[in-house]
Structure formats: C-alpha cells, structure tokens
C-alpha cells in the first residue's frame, strides 16, 4: 500500500549537477530513516547517504563534499543534490525508507530506482 517513486535522473556531463527526489505515498503514519543507495554497472549496491527524521545525516566517503541529502517531512519526500559529478557516479539510484503504516513497527520500503549517467 506504500510506494516510493524516484525522479530526477538523467544524462549529465562530468562536472555537472543533478537533483534526485523520492516521494513516499500511501497509508503512512510516520517515516524514520530515509536513504539513497546506488547500484553500479558492476552490480554493486552501495549506501550513498542517509538522513533520520531529526535531520542527522551521513555520507559515503566517495561522495562527501559533493552530495547533500535533505528531506521535507510534510511532503514525505527525500532529496539528493549532486554536484561535481564523475563518471564513477554512474548508477541506478534507489530510495529506501523505514515507514510505520498500521503498527508501531517500521517496515522497509524501496523505490524502483532512477538512472544517473555521467559521461562526455
């Protein structure tokens, strides 16, 4: 009943920027942690960035200083602002969220992914 939908991916040249969005919809009571992962062409899944409801964030070493994660709790949406993009950033970017629906327990939901390609 809950789904996450990512948007904002595309083709960009090295050094360029993109802003990804992930909106959660459905019978949502609350959302705790939201995060961005990426699946590389080598089929490796990596945690890129994470943000909790209070605003604390963490980033993978490979993106520190270039990527910024943020969220709008009123819209149940998480964002990933990416600058100074490199070819190594090419991947399918996936949104994950821990969401309370009809109980006190958080359930993990994944989006379908959005493709980011960095190439000249």
Protein backbone atom coordinates (compact mmCIF):
# COMPACT_ATOMS: atom_id res chain seq x y z
CA UNK A 1 0.00 0.00 0.00
CA UNK A 2 3.05 2.25 0.44
CA UNK A 3 5.27 3.06 -2.51
CA UNK A 4 8.35 5.18 -3.16
CA UNK A 5 8.85 6.91 -6.50
CA UNK A 6 12.20 8.39 -7.53
CA UNK A 7 12.71 11.07 -10.16
CA UNK A 8 15.37 13.45 -11.44
CA UNK A 9 17.87 11.07 -13.02
CA UNK A 10 19.32 11.51 -16.47
CA UNK A 11 22.44 12.02 -18.57
CA UNK A 12 24.92 14.68 -17.45
CA UNK A 13 28.49 15.59 -18.39
CA UNK A 14 31.35 15.23 -15.90
CA UNK A 15 31.33 18.18 -13.51
CA UNK A 16 27.60 18.65 -13.88
CA UNK A 17 24.80 18.52 -11.33
CA UNK A 18 21.54 16.65 -10.76
CA UNK A 19 18.88 16.72 -8.04
CA UNK A 20 17.05 13.48 -7.26
CA UNK A 21 13.69 13.29 -5.48
CA UNK A 22 11.92 10.39 -3.78
CA UNK A 23 8.30 10.76 -2.68
CA UNK A 24 6.56 8.26 -0.40
CA UNK A 25 2.81 7.78 -0.72
CA UNK A 26 0.11 5.60 0.82
CA UNK A 27 -1.19 4.96 4.33
CA UNK A 28 1.78 6.47 6.14
CA UNK A 29 1.76 7.23 9.85
CA UNK A 30 5.40 8.25 10.16
CA UNK A 31 8.79 7.89 8.48
CA UNK A 32 12.05 7.43 10.34
CA UNK A 33 15.22 6.92 8.29
CA UNK A 34 15.35 7.73 4.58
CA UNK A 35 18.37 6.86 2.46
CA UNK A 36 19.82 6.77 -1.04
CA UNK A 37 21.64 3.71 -2.37
CA UNK A 38 23.16 3.14 -5.79
CA UNK A 39 23.54 0.03 -7.93
CA UNK A 40 26.65 0.36 -10.11
CA UNK A 41 27.14 -1.16 -13.59
CA UNK A 42 29.31 -3.72 -11.80
CA UNK A 43 26.15 -4.76 -9.88
CA UNK A 44 27.44 -3.49 -6.53
CA UNK A 45 24.91 -1.86 -4.18
CA UNK A 46 26.35 0.94 -2.05
CA UNK A 47 24.88 3.22 0.61
CA UNK A 48 25.29 6.79 -0.62
CA UNK A 49 23.61 8.93 2.04
CA UNK A 50 21.21 8.62 4.96
CA UNK A 51 19.04 11.06 6.92
CA UNK A 52 16.90 10.49 10.02
CA UNK A 53 13.73 12.33 10.98
CA UNK A 54 15.65 14.69 13.27
CA UNK A 55 17.92 15.78 10.43
CA UNK A 56 21.20 13.99 11.21
CA UNK A 57 22.98 12.84 8.06
CA UNK A 58 25.80 10.54 6.97
CA UNK A 59 27.55 10.08 3.63
CA UNK A 60 29.74 7.58 1.88
CA UNK A 61 33.36 8.72 1.70
CA UNK A 62 33.20 8.73 -2.10
CA UNK A 63 30.51 11.47 -2.17
CA UNK A 64 31.37 13.63 0.85
CA UNK A 65 31.58 17.28 -0.12
CA UNK A 66 29.72 16.70 -3.39
CA UNK A 67 26.31 15.24 -2.44
CA UNK A 68 23.74 16.65 0.01
CA UNK A 69 20.75 14.73 1.35
CA UNK A 70 17.70 16.57 2.71
CA UNK A 71 14.03 15.88 3.42
CA UNK A 72 10.66 17.58 3.58
CA UNK A 73 8.65 15.74 6.24
CA UNK A 74 5.39 17.47 5.30
CA UNK A 75 5.72 16.07 1.77
CA UNK A 76 7.19 12.67 2.77
CA UNK A 77 9.99 13.39 0.32
CA UNK A 78 13.77 12.98 0.42
CA UNK A 79 16.20 14.70 -1.97
CA UNK A 80 19.76 14.14 -3.11
CA UNK A 81 21.58 17.16 -4.55
CA UNK A 82 24.59 16.01 -6.54
CA UNK A 83 27.33 18.35 -7.80
CA UNK A 84 30.74 17.84 -9.42
CA UNK A 85 29.53 14.55 -10.85
CA UNK A 86 32.10 12.00 -12.01
CA UNK A 87 31.79 9.03 -14.39
CA UNK A 88 32.23 6.81 -11.33
CA UNK A 89 28.88 8.13 -10.04
CA UNK A 90 27.05 6.39 -12.89
CA UNK A 91 24.50 4.01 -11.35
CA UNK A 92 20.86 3.32 -10.68
CA UNK A 93 19.99 5.36 -7.60
CA UNK A 94 17.49 3.75 -5.22
CA UNK A 95 15.46 5.29 -2.41
CA UNK A 96 14.86 3.41 0.86
CA UNK A 97 12.62 4.42 3.76
CA UNK A 98 11.62 2.99 7.14
CA UNK A 99 7.88 3.64 7.41
CA UNK A 100 5.19 2.98 10.05
CA UNK A 101 1.85 2.05 8.47
CA UNK A 102 -0.64 0.27 10.80
CA UNK A 103 1.60 -0.76 13.70
CA UNK A 104 4.35 0.63 15.91
CA UNK A 105 6.99 -1.23 13.88
CA UNK A 106 8.92 0.27 10.99
CA UNK A 107 8.82 -1.55 7.66
CA UNK A 108 11.44 -1.12 4.94
CA UNK A 109 10.33 0.09 1.51
CA UNK A 110 12.37 0.51 -1.68
CA UNK A 111 11.77 2.61 -4.75
CA UNK A 112 12.17 1.36 -8.31
CA UNK A 113 15.33 3.37 -8.99
CA UNK A 114 16.32 6.19 -11.32
CA UNK A 115 19.26 6.04 -13.75
CA UNK A 116 22.10 8.54 -13.43
CA UNK A 117 24.67 8.50 -16.25
CA UNK A 118 27.76 10.74 -16.14
CA UNK A 119 29.52 10.75 -19.49
CA UNK A 120 31.00 13.10 -22.07
